[in-house]
């Protein structure tokens, strides 16, 4: 049972809250990029922008075929991706190696 409304001050009747995300989890990039590793996530980024942040492709890179590993709930899911696939915080981008 809640107390009568008359004991609550005026400023509690219609509260308003604003939330701003200060920083996101990083994304990770491995495989055929010049500088694999962990990088700060930037909102709205794609796989190709992630590759650019990691210094670009190596000469062995397959430039149109990627894996994206994402955690969904408690499971890790591996997705086929292309250059325009959106990246989320915590994702792992894998740039594949070409063989010929």
PDB file of N, CA and C in Angstrom:
ATOM      1  N   UNK A   1       0.855  -1.169   0.000  1.00  0.00           N
ATOM      2  CA  UNK A   1       0.000   0.000   0.000  1.00  0.00           C
ATOM      3  C   UNK A   1       0.902   1.233   0.000  1.00  0.00           C
ATOM      4  N   UNK A   2       0.614   2.185  -0.872  1.00  0.00           N
ATOM      5  CA  UNK A   2       1.453   3.377  -0.961  1.00  0.00           C
ATOM      6  C   UNK A   2       0.888   4.483  -0.080  1.00  0.00           C
ATOM      7  N   UNK A   3       1.769   5.355   0.391  1.00  0.00           N
ATOM      8  CA  UNK A   3       1.327   6.458   1.250  1.00  0.00           C
ATOM      9  C   UNK A   3       0.453   7.433   0.467  1.00  0.00           C
ATOM     10  N   UNK A   4      -0.341   8.218   1.163  1.00  0.00           N
ATOM     11  CA  UNK A   4      -1.181   9.207   0.476  1.00  0.00           C
ATOM     12  C   UNK A   4      -0.323  10.178  -0.338  1.00  0.00           C
ATOM     13  N   UNK A   5      -0.853  10.622  -1.478  1.00  0.00           N
ATOM     14  CA  UNK A   5      -0.121  11.494  -2.387  1.00  0.00           C
ATOM     15  C   UNK A   5       0.243  12.836  -1.762  1.00  0.00           C
ATOM     16  N   UNK A   6      -0.476  13.241  -0.741  1.00  0.00           N
ATOM     17  CA  UNK A   6      -0.232  14.548  -0.140  1.00  0.00           C
ATOM     18  C   UNK A   6       1.118  14.646   0.572  1.00  0.00           C
ATOM     19  N   UNK A   7       1.761  13.515   0.911  1.00  0.00           N
ATOM     20  CA  UNK A   7       3.056  13.603   1.606  1.00  0.00           C
ATOM     21  C   UNK A   7       4.224  13.735   0.625  1.00  0.00           C
ATOM     22  N   UNK A   8       4.021  13.494  -0.682  1.00  0.00           N
ATOM     23  CA  UNK A   8       5.081  13.627  -1.669  1.00  0.00           C
ATOM     24  C   UNK A   8       5.228  15.093  -2.086  1.00  0.00           C
ATOM     25  N   UNK A   9       6.442  15.586  -2.135  1.00  0.00           N
ATOM     26  CA  UNK A   9       6.640  16.973  -2.573  1.00  0.00           C
ATOM     27  C   UNK A   9       6.220  17.140  -4.045  1.00  0.00           C
ATOM     28  N   UNK A  10       5.979  18.356  -4.440  1.00  0.00           N
ATOM     29  CA  UNK A  10       5.530  18.691  -5.794  1.00  0.00           C
ATOM     30  C   UNK A  10       6.493  18.185  -6.873  1.00  0.00           C
ATOM     31  N   UNK A  11       7.792  18.258  -6.643  1.00  0.00           N
ATOM     32  CA  UNK A  11       8.754  17.911  -7.678  1.00  0.00           C
ATOM     33  C   UNK A  11       8.805  16.410  -7.977  1.00  0.00           C
ATOM     34  N   UNK A  12       8.184  15.551  -7.213  1.00  0.00           N
ATOM     35  CA  UNK A  12       8.203  14.113  -7.442  1.00  0.00           C
ATOM     36  C   UNK A  12       6.995  13.656  -8.272  1.00  0.00           C
ATOM     37  N   UNK A  13       6.018  14.483  -8.455  1.00  0.00           N
ATOM     38  CA  UNK A  13       4.795  14.066  -9.147  1.00  0.00           C
ATOM     39  C   UNK A  13       5.022  13.751 -10.623  1.00  0.00           C
ATOM     40  N   UNK A  14       5.816  14.501 -11.313  1.00  0.00           N
ATOM     41  CA  UNK A  14       6.078  14.265 -12.732  1.00  0.00           C
ATOM     42  C   UNK A  14       7.587  14.241 -12.991  1.00  0.00           C
ATOM     43  N   UNK A  15       8.272  13.202 -12.550  1.00  0.00           N
ATOM     44  CA  UNK A  15       9.722  13.177 -12.743  1.00  0.00           C
ATOM     45  C   UNK A  15      10.079  13.000 -14.220  1.00  0.00           C
ATOM     46  N   UNK A  16      11.216  13.518 -14.594  1.00  0.00           N
ATOM     47  CA  UNK A  16      11.722  13.389 -15.951  1.00  0.00           C
ATOM     48  C   UNK A  16      13.194  13.003 -15.859  1.00  0.00           C
ATOM     49  N   UNK A  17      13.594  11.999 -16.647  1.00  0.00           N
ATOM     50  CA  UNK A  17      14.961  11.506 -16.598  1.00  0.00           C
ATOM     51  C   UNK A  17      15.533  11.497 -18.010  1.00  0.00           C
ATOM     52  N   UNK A  18      16.746  11.993 -18.171  1.00  0.00           N
ATOM     53  CA  UNK A  18      17.469  11.928 -19.439  1.00  0.00           C
ATOM     54  C   UNK A  18      18.692  11.050 -19.243  1.00  0.00           C
ATOM     55  N   UNK A  19      18.951  10.169 -20.217  1.00  0.00           N
ATOM     56  CA  UNK A  19      20.093   9.266 -20.144  1.00  0.00           C
ATOM     57  C   UNK A  19      20.956   9.483 -21.377  1.00  0.00           C
ATOM     58  N   UNK A  20      22.249   9.581 -21.160  1.00  0.00           N
ATOM     59  CA  UNK A  20      23.184   9.731 -22.265  1.00  0.00           C
ATOM     60  C   UNK A  20      24.302   8.722 -22.077  1.00  0.00           C
ATOM     61  N   UNK A  21      24.612   7.971 -23.133  1.00  0.00           N
ATOM     62  CA  UNK A  21      25.679   6.982 -23.052  1.00  0.00           C
ATOM     63  C   UNK A  21      27.007   7.704 -23.233  1.00  0.00           C
ATOM     64  N   UNK A  22      27.869   7.580 -22.241  1.00  0.00           N
ATOM     65  CA  UNK A  22      29.161   8.262 -22.274  1.00  0.00           C
ATOM     66  C   UNK A  22      30.142   7.504 -23.146  1.00  0.00           C
ATOM     67  N   UNK A  23      30.183   6.181 -23.002  1.00  0.00           N
ATOM     68  CA  UNK A  23      31.063   5.378 -23.851  1.00  0.00           C
ATOM     69  C   UNK A  23      30.460   3.995 -24.051  1.00  0.00           C
ATOM     70  N   UNK A  24      30.752   3.417 -25.209  1.00  0.00           N
ATOM     71  CA  UNK A  24      30.282   2.090 -25.554  1.00  0.00           C
ATOM     72  C   UNK A  24      31.393   1.074 -25.318  1.00  0.00           C
ATOM     73  N   UNK A  25      31.026  -0.207 -25.312  1.00  0.00           N
ATOM     74  CA  UNK A  25      32.045  -1.253 -25.295  1.00  0.00           C
ATOM     75  C   UNK A  25      32.822  -1.174 -26.604  1.00  0.00           C
ATOM     76  N   UNK A  26      34.057  -1.606 -26.624  1.00  0.00           N
ATOM     77  CA  UNK A  26      34.822  -1.547 -27.874  1.00  0.00           C
ATOM     78  C   UNK A  26      34.347  -2.623 -28.853  1.00  0.00           C
ATOM     79  N   UNK A  27      34.773  -2.507 -30.106  1.00  0.00           N
ATOM     80  CA  UNK A  27      34.600  -3.594 -31.066  1.00  0.00           C
ATOM     81  C   UNK A  27      35.986  -4.168 -31.315  1.00  0.00           C
ATOM     82  N   UNK A  28      36.038  -5.358 -31.852  1.00  0.00           N
ATOM     83  CA  UNK A  28      37.309  -6.044 -32.071  1.00  0.00           C
ATOM     84  C   UNK A  28      37.409  -6.408 -33.546  1.00  0.00           C
ATOM     85  N   UNK A  29      38.632  -6.382 -34.076  1.00  0.00           N
ATOM     86  CA  UNK A  29      38.829  -6.759 -35.473  1.00  0.00           C
ATOM     87  C   UNK A  29      40.073  -7.633 -35.569  1.00  0.00           C
ATOM     88  N   UNK A  30      39.930  -8.770 -36.251  1.00  0.00           N
ATOM     89  CA  UNK A  30      41.018  -9.736 -36.383  1.00  0.00           C
ATOM     90  C   UNK A  30      41.106 -10.177 -37.842  1.00  0.00           C
ATOM     91  N   UNK A  31      42.179 -10.847 -38.169  1.00  0.00           N
ATOM     92  CA  UNK A  31      42.344 -11.362 -39.522  1.00  0.00           C
ATOM     93  C   UNK A  31      43.243 -10.467 -40.346  1.00  0.00           C
ATOM     94  N   UNK A  32      42.905 -10.343 -41.599  1.00  0.00           N
ATOM     95  CA  UNK A  32      43.766  -9.672 -42.567  1.00  0.00           C
ATOM     96  C   UNK A  32      43.585  -8.153 -42.610  1.00  0.00           C
ATOM     97  N   UNK A  33      43.889  -7.504 -41.479  1.00  0.00           N
ATOM     98  CA  UNK A  33      43.952  -6.045 -41.394  1.00  0.00           C
ATOM     99  C   UNK A  33      45.338  -5.681 -40.877  1.00  0.00           C
ATOM    100  N   UNK A  34      45.758  -4.470 -41.147  1.00  0.00           N
ATOM    101  CA  UNK A  34      47.115  -4.062 -40.769  1.00  0.00           C
ATOM    102  C   UNK A  34      47.349  -4.044 -39.258  1.00  0.00           C
ATOM    103  N   UNK A  35      46.351  -3.594 -38.486  1.00  0.00           N
ATOM    104  CA  UNK A  35      46.517  -3.507 -37.036  1.00  0.00           C
ATOM    105  C   UNK A  35      45.307  -4.116 -36.326  1.00  0.00           C
ATOM    106  N   UNK A  36      45.266  -5.454 -36.206  1.00  0.00           N
ATOM    107  CA  UNK A  36      44.142  -6.074 -35.516  1.00  0.00           C
ATOM    108  C   UNK A  36      44.135  -5.676 -34.040  1.00  0.00           C
ATOM    109  N   UNK A  37      42.968  -5.720 -33.424  1.00  0.00           N
ATOM    110  CA  UNK A  37      42.898  -5.400 -32.000  1.00  0.00           C
ATOM    111  C   UNK A  37      41.541  -4.867 -31.592  1.00  0.00           C
ATOM    112  N   UNK A  38      41.528  -4.186 -30.472  1.00  0.00           N
ATOM    113  CA  UNK A  38      40.332  -3.605 -29.876  1.00  0.00           C
ATOM    114  C   UNK A  38      40.326  -2.112 -30.165  1.00  0.00           C
ATOM    115  N   UNK A  39      39.151  -1.596 -30.586  1.00  0.00           N
ATOM    116  CA  UNK A  39      39.029  -0.177 -30.913  1.00  0.00           C
ATOM    117  C   UNK A  39      37.751   0.395 -30.315  1.00  0.00           C
ATOM    118  N   UNK A  40      37.734   1.674 -30.000  1.00  0.00           N
ATOM    119  CA  UNK A  40      36.505   2.293 -29.482  1.00  0.00           C
ATOM    120  C   UNK A  40      35.388   2.241 -30.523  1.00  0.00           C
ATOM    121  N   UNK A  41      34.213   1.897 -30.078  1.00  0.00           N
ATOM    122  CA  UNK A  41      33.044   1.839 -30.960  1.00  0.00           C
ATOM    123  C   UNK A  41      32.580   3.255 -31.280  1.00  0.00           C
ATOM    124  N   UNK A  42      32.183   3.465 -32.537  1.00  0.00           N
ATOM    125  CA  UNK A  42      31.623   4.738 -32.978  1.00  0.00           C
ATOM    126  C   UNK A  42      30.217   4.446 -33.485  1.00  0.00           C
ATOM    127  N   UNK A  43      29.238   5.152 -32.970  1.00  0.00           N
ATOM    128  CA  UNK A  43      27.845   4.903 -33.343  1.00  0.00           C
ATOM    129  C   UNK A  43      27.662   4.997 -34.853  1.00  0.00           C
ATOM    130  N   UNK A  44      26.923   4.051 -35.424  1.00  0.00           N
ATOM    131  CA  UNK A  44      26.612   4.058 -36.839  1.00  0.00           C
ATOM    132  C   UNK A  44      27.691   3.480 -37.733  1.00  0.00           C
ATOM    133  N   UNK A  45      28.676   2.810 -37.160  1.00  0.00           N
ATOM    134  CA  UNK A  45      29.768   2.319 -37.994  1.00  0.00           C
ATOM    135  C   UNK A  45      29.408   1.023 -38.714  1.00  0.00           C
ATOM    136  N   UNK A  46      30.099   0.794 -39.824  1.00  0.00           N
ATOM    137  CA  UNK A  46      29.934  -0.416 -40.626  1.00  0.00           C
ATOM    138  C   UNK A  46      31.225  -1.228 -40.567  1.00  0.00           C
ATOM    139  N   UNK A  47      31.189  -2.426 -41.149  1.00  0.00           N
ATOM    140  CA  UNK A  47      32.381  -3.277 -41.187  1.00  0.00           C
ATOM    141  C   UNK A  47      33.518  -2.553 -41.907  1.00  0.00           C
ATOM    142  N   UNK A  48      33.240  -1.908 -43.028  1.00  0.00           N
ATOM    143  CA  UNK A  48      34.294  -1.223 -43.786  1.00  0.00           C
ATOM    144  C   UNK A  48      34.926  -0.086 -42.977  1.00  0.00           C
ATOM    145  N   UNK A  49      34.131   0.638 -42.211  1.00  0.00           N
ATOM    146  CA  UNK A  49      34.696   1.693 -41.354  1.00  0.00           C
ATOM    147  C   UNK A  49      35.578   1.077 -40.271  1.00  0.00           C
ATOM    148  N   UNK A  50      35.192  -0.086 -39.758  1.00  0.00           N
ATOM    149  CA  UNK A  50      36.029  -0.791 -38.786  1.00  0.00           C
ATOM    150  C   UNK A  50      37.364  -1.190 -39.380  1.00  0.00           C
ATOM    151  N   UNK A  51      37.353  -1.652 -40.621  1.00  0.00           N
ATOM    152  CA  UNK A  51      38.593  -2.010 -41.315  1.00  0.00           C
ATOM    153  C   UNK A  51      39.473  -0.767 -41.469  1.00  0.00           C
ATOM    154  N   UNK A  52      38.870   0.351 -41.822  1.00  0.00           N
ATOM    155  CA  UNK A  52      39.635   1.596 -41.982  1.00  0.00           C
ATOM    156  C   UNK A  52      40.281   2.013 -40.664  1.00  0.00           C
ATOM    157  N   UNK A  53      39.541   1.885 -39.568  1.00  0.00           N
ATOM    158  CA  UNK A  53      40.089   2.241 -38.258  1.00  0.00           C
ATOM    159  C   UNK A  53      41.279   1.347 -37.916  1.00  0.00           C
ATOM    160  N   UNK A  54      41.238   0.084 -38.367  1.00  0.00           N
ATOM    161  CA  UNK A  54      42.321  -0.863 -38.087  1.00  0.00           C
ATOM    162  C   UNK A  54      43.459  -0.760 -39.103  1.00  0.00           C
ATOM    163  N   UNK A  55      43.508   0.292 -39.884  1.00  0.00           N
ATOM    164  CA  UNK A  55      44.635   0.529 -40.778  1.00  0.00           C
ATOM    165  C   UNK A  55      44.464  -0.002 -42.185  1.00  0.00           C
ATOM    166  N   UNK A  56      43.322  -0.558 -42.499  1.00  0.00           N
ATOM    167  CA  UNK A  56      43.082  -1.061 -43.849  1.00  0.00           C
ATOM    168  C   UNK A  56      43.400  -2.537 -43.996  1.00  0.00           C
ATOM    169  N   UNK A  57      43.197  -3.046 -45.204  1.00  0.00           N
ATOM    170  CA  UNK A  57      43.422  -4.456 -45.509  1.00  0.00           C
ATOM    171  C   UNK A  57      44.901  -4.762 -45.690  1.00  0.00           C
ATOM    172  N   UNK A  58      45.290  -6.012 -45.436  1.00  0.00           N
ATOM    173  CA  UNK A  58      46.610  -6.490 -45.846  1.00  0.00           C
ATOM    174  C   UNK A  58      46.492  -6.925 -47.309  1.00  0.00           C
ATOM    175  N   UNK A  59      47.610  -7.248 -47.935  1.00  0.00           N
ATOM    176  CA  UNK A  59      47.568  -7.656 -49.341  1.00  0.00           C
ATOM    177  C   UNK A  59      46.888  -9.013 -49.528  1.00  0.00           C
ATOM    178  N   UNK A  60      46.762  -9.807 -48.461  1.00  0.00           N
ATOM    179  CA  UNK A  60      46.130 -11.129 -48.546  1.00  0.00           C
ATOM    180  C   UNK A  60      44.633 -11.097 -48.262  1.00  0.00           C
ATOM    181  N   UNK A  61      44.084  -9.946 -47.932  1.00  0.00           N
ATOM    182  CA  UNK A  61      42.689  -9.864 -47.481  1.00  0.00           C
ATOM    183  C   UNK A  61      41.691 -10.131 -48.597  1.00  0.00           C
ATOM    184  N   UNK A  62      40.622 -10.793 -48.228  1.00  0.00           N
ATOM    185  CA  UNK A  62      39.452 -10.953 -49.083  1.00  0.00           C
ATOM    186  C   UNK A  62      38.587  -9.737 -48.790  1.00  0.00           C
ATOM    187  N   UNK A  63      38.508  -8.793 -49.694  1.00  0.00           N
ATOM    188  CA  UNK A  63      37.946  -7.472 -49.399  1.00  0.00           C
ATOM    189  C   UNK A  63      36.429  -7.383 -49.475  1.00  0.00           C
ATOM    190  N   UNK A  64      35.770  -8.495 -49.725  1.00  0.00           N
ATOM    191  CA  UNK A  64      34.312  -8.460 -49.828  1.00  0.00           C
ATOM    192  C   UNK A  64      33.626  -9.581 -49.045  1.00  0.00           C
ATOM    193  N   UNK A  65      34.354 -10.196 -48.122  1.00  0.00           N
ATOM    194  CA  UNK A  65      33.815 -11.345 -47.405  1.00  0.00           C
ATOM    195  C   UNK A  65      34.307 -11.313 -45.959  1.00  0.00           C
ATOM    196  N   UNK A  66      33.370 -11.213 -45.014  1.00  0.00           N
ATOM    197  CA  UNK A  66      33.730 -11.050 -43.606  1.00  0.00           C
ATOM    198  C   UNK A  66      32.844 -11.934 -42.727  1.00  0.00           C
ATOM    199  N   UNK A  67      33.321 -12.234 -41.536  1.00  0.00           N
ATOM    200  CA  UNK A  67      32.505 -12.814 -40.472  1.00  0.00           C
ATOM    201  C   UNK A  67      32.271 -11.735 -39.434  1.00  0.00           C
ATOM    202  N   UNK A  68      31.132 -11.764 -38.796  1.00  0.00           N
ATOM    203  CA  UNK A  68      30.839 -10.877 -37.678  1.00  0.00           C
ATOM    204  C   UNK A  68      30.359 -11.768 -36.548  1.00  0.00           C
ATOM    205  N   UNK A  69      31.050 -11.750 -35.414  1.00  0.00           N
ATOM    206  CA  UNK A  69      30.642 -12.535 -34.255  1.00  0.00           C
ATOM    207  C   UNK A  69      29.999 -11.585 -33.266  1.00  0.00           C
ATOM    208  N   UNK A  70      28.759 -11.895 -32.889  1.00  0.00           N
ATOM    209  CA  UNK A  70      27.969 -11.026 -32.020  1.00  0.00           C
ATOM    210  C   UNK A  70      27.373 -11.857 -30.897  1.00  0.00           C
ATOM    211  N   UNK A  71      27.333 -11.291 -29.701  1.00  0.00           N
ATOM    212  CA  UNK A  71      26.694 -11.954 -28.572  1.00  0.00           C
ATOM    213  C   UNK A  71      25.229 -11.553 -28.545  1.00  0.00           C
ATOM    214  N   UNK A  72      24.355 -12.560 -28.627  1.00  0.00           N
ATOM    215  CA  UNK A  72      22.912 -12.344 -28.584  1.00  0.00           C
ATOM    216  C   UNK A  72      22.394 -13.114 -27.379  1.00  0.00           C
ATOM    217  N   UNK A  73      21.986 -12.382 -26.349  1.00  0.00           N
ATOM    218  CA  UNK A  73      21.620 -13.039 -25.088  1.00  0.00           C
ATOM    219  C   UNK A  73      22.863 -13.650 -24.479  1.00  0.00           C
ATOM    220  N   UNK A  74      22.846 -14.945 -24.263  1.00  0.00           N
ATOM    221  CA  UNK A  74      24.018 -15.630 -23.711  1.00  0.00           C
ATOM    222  C   UNK A  74      24.775 -16.408 -24.776  1.00  0.00           C
ATOM    223  N   UNK A  75      24.343 -16.300 -26.051  1.00  0.00           N
ATOM    224  CA  UNK A  75      24.958 -17.064 -27.132  1.00  0.00           C
ATOM    225  C   UNK A  75      25.778 -16.178 -28.048  1.00  0.00           C
ATOM    226  N   UNK A  76      26.863 -16.748 -28.559  1.00  0.00           N
ATOM    227  CA  UNK A  76      27.650 -16.074 -29.595  1.00  0.00           C
ATOM    228  C   UNK A  76      27.162 -16.586 -30.944  1.00  0.00           C
ATOM    229  N   UNK A  77      26.871 -15.643 -31.830  1.00  0.00           N
ATOM    230  CA  UNK A  77      26.353 -15.971 -33.153  1.00  0.00           C
ATOM    231  C   UNK A  77      27.350 -15.471 -34.191  1.00  0.00           C
ATOM    232  N   UNK A  78      27.670 -16.321 -35.163  1.00  0.00           N
ATOM    233  CA  UNK A  78      28.575 -15.910 -36.241  1.00  0.00           C
ATOM    234  C   UNK A  78      27.748 -15.641 -37.488  1.00  0.00           C
ATOM    235  N   UNK A  79      27.887 -14.429 -38.021  1.00  0.00           N
ATOM    236  CA  UNK A  79      27.109 -13.990 -39.172  1.00  0.00           C
ATOM    237  C   UNK A  79      28.023 -13.745 -40.358  1.00  0.00           C
ATOM    238  N   UNK A  80      27.545 -14.056 -41.557  1.00  0.00           N
ATOM    239  CA  UNK A  80      28.253 -13.621 -42.759  1.00  0.00           C
ATOM    240  C   UNK A  80      27.955 -12.139 -42.919  1.00  0.00           C
ATOM    241  N   UNK A  81      28.947 -11.366 -43.263  1.00  0.00           N
ATOM    242  CA  UNK A  81      28.768  -9.919 -43.353  1.00  0.00           C
ATOM    243  C   UNK A  81      29.365  -9.403 -44.655  1.00  0.00           C
ATOM    244  N   UNK A  82      28.967  -8.189 -45.010  1.00  0.00           N
ATOM    245  CA  UNK A  82      29.586  -7.498 -46.141  1.00  0.00           C
ATOM    246  C   UNK A  82      30.097  -6.152 -45.641  1.00  0.00           C
ATOM    247  N   UNK A  83      30.623  -5.338 -46.527  1.00  0.00           N
ATOM    248  CA  UNK A  83      31.244  -4.074 -46.135  1.00  0.00           C
ATOM    249  C   UNK A  83      30.279  -3.119 -45.441  1.00  0.00           C
ATOM    250  N   UNK A  84      28.996  -3.183 -45.772  1.00  0.00           N
ATOM    251  CA  UNK A  84      28.015  -2.248 -45.218  1.00  0.00           C
ATOM    252  C   UNK A  84      27.254  -2.787 -44.009  1.00  0.00           C
ATOM    253  N   UNK A  85      27.584  -3.968 -43.541  1.00  0.00           N
ATOM    254  CA  UNK A  85      26.906  -4.540 -42.370  1.00  0.00           C
ATOM    255  C   UNK A  85      27.173  -3.671 -41.148  1.00  0.00           C
ATOM    256  N   UNK A  86      26.125  -3.279 -40.415  1.00  0.00           N
ATOM    257  CA  UNK A  86      26.327  -2.464 -39.212  1.00  0.00           C
ATOM    258  C   UNK A  86      27.055  -3.241 -38.111  1.00  0.00           C
ATOM    259  N   UNK A  87      27.911  -2.543 -37.403  1.00  0.00           N
ATOM    260  CA  UNK A  87      28.659  -3.119 -36.280  1.00  0.00           C
ATOM    261  C   UNK A  87      28.047  -2.596 -34.991  1.00  0.00           C
ATOM    262  N   UNK A  88      27.968  -3.458 -33.982  1.00  0.00           N
ATOM    263  CA  UNK A  88      27.463  -3.072 -32.667  1.00  0.00           C
ATOM    264  C   UNK A  88      28.590  -3.175 -31.641  1.00  0.00           C
ATOM    265  N   UNK A  89      28.463  -2.495 -30.503  1.00  0.00           N
ATOM    266  CA  UNK A  89      29.494  -2.599 -29.470  1.00  0.00           C
ATOM    267  C   UNK A  89      29.704  -4.058 -29.068  1.00  0.00           C
ATOM    268  N   UNK A  90      30.959  -4.459 -28.936  1.00  0.00           N
ATOM    269  CA  UNK A  90      31.293  -5.823 -28.534  1.00  0.00           C
ATOM    270  C   UNK A  90      31.431  -6.801 -29.685  1.00  0.00           C
ATOM    271  N   UNK A  91      31.093  -6.393 -30.911  1.00  0.00           N
ATOM    272  CA  UNK A  91      31.209  -7.286 -32.065  1.00  0.00           C
ATOM    273  C   UNK A  91      32.674  -7.582 -32.373  1.00  0.00           C
ATOM    274  N   UNK A  92      32.900  -8.758 -32.986  1.00  0.00           N
ATOM    275  CA  UNK A  92      34.222  -9.131 -33.473  1.00  0.00           C
ATOM    276  C   UNK A  92      34.122  -9.274 -34.986  1.00  0.00           C
ATOM    277  N   UNK A  93      34.888  -8.465 -35.706  1.00  0.00           N
ATOM    278  CA  UNK A  93      34.928  -8.520 -37.161  1.00  0.00           C
ATOM    279  C   UNK A  93      36.122  -9.394 -37.546  1.00  0.00           C
ATOM    280  N   UNK A  94      35.886 -10.382 -38.410  1.00  0.00           N
ATOM    281  CA  UNK A  94      36.970 -11.215 -38.923  1.00  0.00           C
ATOM    282  C   UNK A  94      37.094 -10.979 -40.414  1.00  0.00           C
ATOM    283  N   UNK A  95      38.259 -10.496 -40.835  1.00  0.00           N
ATOM    284  CA  UNK A  95      38.535 -10.282 -42.252  1.00  0.00           C
ATOM    285  C   UNK A  95      39.236 -11.536 -42.754  1.00  0.00           C
ATOM    286  N   UNK A  96      38.621 -12.197 -43.716  1.00  0.00           N
ATOM    287  CA  UNK A  96      39.136 -13.473 -44.207  1.00  0.00           C
ATOM    288  C   UNK A  96      40.333 -13.296 -45.142  1.00  0.00           C
ATOM    289  N   UNK A  97      41.086 -14.380 -45.284  1.00  0.00           N
ATOM    290  CA  UNK A  97      42.246 -14.408 -46.166  1.00  0.00           C
ATOM    291  C   UNK A  97      41.829 -14.977 -47.517  1.00  0.00           C
ATOM    292  N   UNK A  98      42.322 -14.361 -48.578  1.00  0.00           N
ATOM    293  CA  UNK A  98      42.074 -14.934 -49.907  1.00  0.00           C
ATOM    294  C   UNK A  98      43.208 -15.921 -50.203  1.00  0.00           C
ATOM    295  N   UNK A  99      42.910 -16.903 -50.999  1.00  0.00           N
ATOM    296  CA  UNK A  99      43.903 -17.931 -51.270  1.00  0.00           C
ATOM    297  C   UNK A  99      44.577 -17.774 -52.624  1.00  0.00           C
ATOM    298  N   UNK A 100      43.966 -17.023 -53.525  1.00  0.00           N
ATOM    299  CA  UNK A 100      44.576 -16.807 -54.847  1.00  0.00           C
ATOM    300  C   UNK A 100      44.419 -15.366 -55.241  1.00  0.00           C
TER     301      UNK A 100
END
